[in-house]
N, C-alpha and C. Protein backbone atom coordinates (compact mmCIF):
# COMPACT_ATOMS: atom_id res chain seq x y z
N UNK A 1 13.69 -8.59 -3.17
CA UNK A 1 13.22 -9.88 -2.72
C UNK A 1 11.83 -10.10 -3.25
N UNK A 2 11.71 -11.16 -4.13
CA UNK A 2 10.43 -11.41 -4.73
C UNK A 2 9.68 -12.39 -3.82
N UNK A 3 8.39 -12.14 -3.74
CA UNK A 3 7.56 -13.04 -2.96
C UNK A 3 6.55 -13.71 -3.89
N UNK A 4 6.13 -14.90 -3.52
CA UNK A 4 5.25 -15.56 -4.34
C UNK A 4 3.83 -15.02 -4.20
N UNK A 5 3.26 -14.68 -5.37
CA UNK A 5 1.85 -14.14 -5.36
C UNK A 5 0.89 -15.23 -5.25
N UNK A 6 -0.25 -15.01 -4.73
CA UNK A 6 -1.27 -16.08 -4.65
C UNK A 6 -1.69 -16.48 -6.00
N UNK A 7 -1.87 -17.72 -6.18
CA UNK A 7 -2.18 -18.27 -7.52
C UNK A 7 -3.64 -18.32 -7.89
N UNK A 8 -4.47 -18.64 -6.96
CA UNK A 8 -5.91 -18.86 -7.26
C UNK A 8 -6.61 -17.55 -7.29
N UNK A 9 -7.69 -17.60 -8.09
CA UNK A 9 -8.51 -16.43 -8.20
C UNK A 9 -9.11 -15.99 -6.84
N UNK A 10 -9.54 -16.97 -6.03
CA UNK A 10 -10.10 -16.61 -4.75
C UNK A 10 -9.02 -16.03 -3.84
N UNK A 11 -7.88 -16.50 -3.94
CA UNK A 11 -6.82 -15.92 -3.06
C UNK A 11 -6.53 -14.47 -3.46
N UNK A 12 -6.53 -14.14 -4.73
CA UNK A 12 -6.32 -12.78 -5.24
C UNK A 12 -7.55 -11.92 -4.77
N UNK A 13 -8.66 -12.38 -4.80
CA UNK A 13 -9.86 -11.71 -4.41
C UNK A 13 -9.80 -11.40 -2.85
N UNK A 14 -9.44 -12.43 -2.15
CA UNK A 14 -9.31 -12.26 -0.64
C UNK A 14 -8.26 -11.19 -0.30
N UNK A 15 -7.08 -11.33 -0.94
CA UNK A 15 -6.03 -10.40 -0.71
C UNK A 15 -6.47 -8.94 -1.09
N UNK A 16 -7.16 -8.86 -2.20
CA UNK A 16 -7.64 -7.50 -2.54
C UNK A 16 -8.60 -6.94 -1.54
N UNK A 17 -9.43 -7.73 -1.01
CA UNK A 17 -10.38 -7.31 0.09
C UNK A 17 -9.67 -6.87 1.32
N UNK A 18 -8.65 -7.60 1.71
CA UNK A 18 -7.84 -7.26 2.83
C UNK A 18 -7.13 -5.94 2.57
N UNK A 19 -6.59 -5.77 1.40
CA UNK A 19 -5.86 -4.54 1.06
C UNK A 19 -6.93 -3.33 1.11
N UNK A 20 -8.12 -3.57 0.62
CA UNK A 20 -9.13 -2.51 0.60
C UNK A 20 -9.47 -2.15 2.06
N UNK A 21 -9.57 -3.10 2.90
CA UNK A 21 -9.85 -2.77 4.36
C UNK A 21 -8.78 -1.93 4.97
N UNK A 22 -7.53 -2.30 4.68
CA UNK A 22 -6.36 -1.52 5.19
C UNK A 22 -6.44 -0.05 4.66
N UNK A 23 -6.57 0.06 3.33
CA UNK A 23 -6.60 1.39 2.73
C UNK A 23 -7.71 2.24 3.15
N UNK A 24 -8.83 1.70 3.50
CA UNK A 24 -9.95 2.44 3.93
C UNK A 24 -10.08 2.67 5.43
N UNK A 25 -9.07 2.04 6.12
CA UNK A 25 -9.14 2.13 7.63
C UNK A 25 -8.72 3.49 8.08
N UNK A 26 -9.59 4.15 8.90
CA UNK A 26 -9.23 5.53 9.30
C UNK A 26 -7.91 5.64 10.07
N UNK A 27 -7.53 4.66 10.82
CA UNK A 27 -6.28 4.62 11.56
C UNK A 27 -5.12 4.59 10.63
N UNK A 28 -5.20 3.76 9.58
CA UNK A 28 -4.18 3.67 8.53
C UNK A 28 -4.03 4.99 7.85
N UNK A 29 -5.14 5.53 7.41
CA UNK A 29 -5.12 6.82 6.72
C UNK A 29 -4.43 7.97 7.58
N UNK A 30 -4.91 7.95 8.86
CA UNK A 30 -4.33 8.99 9.78
C UNK A 30 -2.84 8.76 9.95
N UNK A 31 -2.43 7.55 10.13
CA UNK A 31 -1.04 7.23 10.37
C UNK A 31 -0.17 7.71 9.11
N UNK A 32 -0.67 7.36 7.98
CA UNK A 32 0.12 7.76 6.75
C UNK A 32 0.16 9.27 6.60
N UNK A 33 -0.97 9.95 6.89
CA UNK A 33 -0.87 11.39 6.85
C UNK A 33 0.12 12.01 7.85
N UNK A 34 0.12 11.40 9.07
CA UNK A 34 1.01 11.91 10.04
C UNK A 34 2.46 11.66 9.73
N UNK A 35 2.77 10.54 9.19
CA UNK A 35 4.11 10.14 8.80
C UNK A 35 4.52 11.13 7.67
N UNK A 36 3.71 11.25 6.66
CA UNK A 36 4.02 12.14 5.57
C UNK A 36 4.27 13.56 6.05
N UNK A 37 3.43 13.96 6.94
CA UNK A 37 3.53 15.41 7.47
C UNK A 37 4.92 15.59 8.23
N UNK A 38 5.28 14.58 8.97
CA UNK A 38 6.51 14.66 9.72
C UNK A 38 7.74 14.70 8.74
N UNK A 39 7.61 13.82 7.69
CA UNK A 39 8.71 13.79 6.74
C UNK A 39 8.84 15.12 5.99
N UNK A 40 7.72 15.70 5.56
CA UNK A 40 7.73 17.00 4.96
C UNK A 40 8.38 18.03 5.87
N UNK A 41 7.96 18.01 7.11
CA UNK A 41 8.52 19.00 8.13
C UNK A 41 10.01 18.81 8.26
N UNK A 42 10.49 17.49 8.29
CA UNK A 42 11.88 17.21 8.50
C UNK A 42 12.61 17.71 7.19
N UNK A 43 12.02 17.45 6.04
CA UNK A 43 12.66 17.78 4.79
C UNK A 43 12.78 19.33 4.64
N UNK A 44 11.84 20.02 5.10
CA UNK A 44 11.85 21.44 4.96
C UNK A 44 12.86 22.12 5.95
N UNK A 45 13.15 21.38 6.99
CA UNK A 45 14.03 21.93 8.00
C UNK A 45 15.51 21.43 7.95
N UNK A 46 15.72 20.50 7.04
CA UNK A 46 17.09 19.91 7.03
C UNK A 46 18.07 20.78 6.29
N UNK A 47 19.30 20.82 6.79
CA UNK A 47 20.35 21.63 6.14
C UNK A 47 20.74 20.87 4.82
N UNK A 48 20.71 21.51 3.67
CA UNK A 48 21.00 20.87 2.44
C UNK A 48 22.39 20.21 2.39
N UNK A 49 23.27 20.66 3.23
CA UNK A 49 24.69 20.08 3.31
C UNK A 49 24.64 18.70 3.89
N UNK A 50 23.61 18.43 4.73
CA UNK A 50 23.57 17.10 5.35
C UNK A 50 22.90 16.08 4.44
N UNK A 51 23.73 15.64 3.62
CA UNK A 51 23.26 14.64 2.52
C UNK A 51 22.79 13.34 3.13
N UNK A 52 23.37 12.84 4.13
CA UNK A 52 22.97 11.57 4.74
C UNK A 52 21.52 11.70 5.28
N UNK A 53 21.28 12.79 5.92
CA UNK A 53 19.90 13.05 6.51
C UNK A 53 18.83 13.25 5.36
N UNK A 54 19.30 13.93 4.31
CA UNK A 54 18.40 14.09 3.14
C UNK A 54 18.05 12.73 2.53
N UNK A 55 19.09 11.89 2.41
CA UNK A 55 18.95 10.60 1.78
C UNK A 55 17.99 9.72 2.67
N UNK A 56 18.13 9.78 3.94
CA UNK A 56 17.31 8.99 4.90
C UNK A 56 15.90 9.36 4.76
N UNK A 57 15.63 10.66 4.73
CA UNK A 57 14.29 11.16 4.62
C UNK A 57 13.68 10.72 3.25
N UNK A 58 14.46 10.84 2.17
CA UNK A 58 14.01 10.51 0.84
C UNK A 58 13.72 9.03 0.84
N UNK A 59 14.53 8.18 1.36
CA UNK A 59 14.30 6.74 1.38
C UNK A 59 13.03 6.39 2.18
N UNK A 60 12.83 7.08 3.29
CA UNK A 60 11.65 6.78 4.04
C UNK A 60 10.39 7.18 3.29
N UNK A 61 10.44 8.33 2.58
CA UNK A 61 9.29 8.73 1.70
C UNK A 61 9.07 7.66 0.63
N UNK A 62 10.13 7.23 -0.04
CA UNK A 62 9.96 6.21 -1.11
C UNK A 62 9.44 4.91 -0.53
N UNK A 63 9.90 4.49 0.61
CA UNK A 63 9.37 3.27 1.22
C UNK A 63 7.90 3.42 1.56
N UNK A 64 7.50 4.56 2.06
CA UNK A 64 6.06 4.78 2.42
C UNK A 64 5.24 4.69 1.12
N UNK A 65 5.71 5.33 0.11
CA UNK A 65 5.05 5.30 -1.20
C UNK A 65 4.90 3.82 -1.81
N UNK A 66 5.97 3.05 -1.59
CA UNK A 66 5.93 1.68 -2.09
C UNK A 66 4.89 0.91 -1.36
N UNK A 67 4.86 1.10 -0.04
CA UNK A 67 3.86 0.30 0.76
C UNK A 67 2.46 0.69 0.23
N UNK A 68 2.17 1.87 0.04
CA UNK A 68 0.83 2.26 -0.43
C UNK A 68 0.57 1.74 -1.80
N UNK A 69 1.63 1.78 -2.75
CA UNK A 69 1.44 1.24 -4.10
C UNK A 69 1.12 -0.29 -4.05
N UNK A 70 1.82 -1.00 -3.24
CA UNK A 70 1.58 -2.47 -3.15
C UNK A 70 0.20 -2.72 -2.72
N UNK A 71 -0.30 -1.97 -1.69
CA UNK A 71 -1.66 -2.20 -1.18
C UNK A 71 -2.66 -1.85 -2.21
N UNK A 72 -2.46 -0.72 -2.98
CA UNK A 72 -3.40 -0.33 -4.01
C UNK A 72 -3.33 -1.32 -5.18
N UNK A 73 -2.18 -1.83 -5.61
CA UNK A 73 -2.10 -2.81 -6.60
C UNK A 73 -2.80 -4.09 -6.24
N UNK A 74 -2.65 -4.56 -4.99
CA UNK A 74 -3.29 -5.71 -4.47
C UNK A 74 -4.77 -5.63 -4.51
N UNK A 75 -5.24 -4.45 -4.13
CA UNK A 75 -6.71 -4.13 -4.12
C UNK A 75 -7.24 -4.22 -5.54
N UNK A 76 -6.51 -3.55 -6.46
CA UNK A 76 -6.94 -3.51 -7.79
C UNK A 76 -7.00 -4.83 -8.49
N UNK A 77 -5.95 -5.65 -8.17
CA UNK A 77 -5.90 -7.03 -8.68
C UNK A 77 -7.07 -7.88 -8.18
N UNK A 78 -7.44 -7.70 -6.94
CA UNK A 78 -8.63 -8.39 -6.42
C UNK A 78 -9.91 -7.99 -7.09
N UNK A 79 -10.01 -6.64 -7.29
CA UNK A 79 -11.24 -6.17 -8.00
C UNK A 79 -11.32 -6.71 -9.41
N UNK A 80 -10.26 -6.69 -10.12
CA UNK A 80 -10.28 -7.22 -11.48
C UNK A 80 -10.54 -8.66 -11.50
N UNK A 81 -9.96 -9.40 -10.63
CA UNK A 81 -10.15 -10.82 -10.52
C UNK A 81 -11.66 -11.16 -10.18
N UNK A 82 -12.22 -10.44 -9.32
CA UNK A 82 -13.61 -10.61 -8.86
C UNK A 82 -14.63 -10.43 -10.05
N UNK A 83 -14.16 -9.61 -10.96
CA UNK A 83 -15.11 -9.31 -12.07
C UNK A 83 -14.94 -10.30 -13.27
N UNK A 84 -13.93 -11.20 -13.22
CA UNK A 84 -13.76 -12.17 -14.32
C UNK A 84 -14.86 -13.22 -14.12
N UNK A 85 -15.44 -13.56 -15.24
CA UNK A 85 -16.50 -14.56 -15.20
C UNK A 85 -16.01 -15.92 -14.73
N UNK A 86 -14.69 -16.31 -15.09
CA UNK A 86 -14.22 -17.58 -14.69
C UNK A 86 -13.87 -17.70 -13.25
N UNK A 87 -13.92 -16.52 -12.52
CA UNK A 87 -13.55 -16.60 -11.10
C UNK A 87 -14.63 -17.35 -10.34
N UNK A 88 -15.82 -17.35 -10.87
CA UNK A 88 -16.92 -18.01 -10.22
C UNK A 88 -17.30 -17.47 -8.88
N UNK A 89 -16.88 -16.22 -8.63
CA UNK A 89 -17.18 -15.62 -7.37
C UNK A 89 -18.13 -14.44 -7.58
N UNK A 90 -19.27 -14.51 -6.96
CA UNK A 90 -20.21 -13.46 -7.15
C UNK A 90 -20.10 -12.35 -5.98
N UNK A 91 -19.51 -12.72 -4.92
CA UNK A 91 -19.30 -11.81 -3.85
C UNK A 91 -17.91 -11.94 -3.29
N UNK A 92 -17.34 -10.91 -2.79
CA UNK A 92 -16.04 -10.97 -2.12
C UNK A 92 -16.15 -11.60 -0.77
N UNK A 93 -15.36 -12.62 -0.48
CA UNK A 93 -15.35 -13.20 0.82
C UNK A 93 -14.46 -12.41 1.77
N UNK A 94 -14.97 -11.95 2.89
CA UNK A 94 -14.24 -11.30 3.81
C UNK A 94 -13.62 -12.33 4.81
N UNK A 95 -12.35 -12.20 5.02
CA UNK A 95 -11.71 -13.09 5.99
C UNK A 95 -11.68 -12.55 7.33
């Protein structure tokens, strides 16, 4: 499902700043580490014959990675946009 990305430079910068805040948030970091740890624990303890359980753990891992990639990509896009001379933005606006 494709979503419409923000069109304006300022919107990209704002979204990048919000993504940075999430990525740097200690609660977010702790939650992701805890979830990853639980998934690794489940993966190491699952019977290889239980394919459905293995698939579920794998999908959860993949979705967790996708969330993190989207946040990082959004942050990087905002950083790049803020550095463009035509953005006309000298400072990132925090919402």
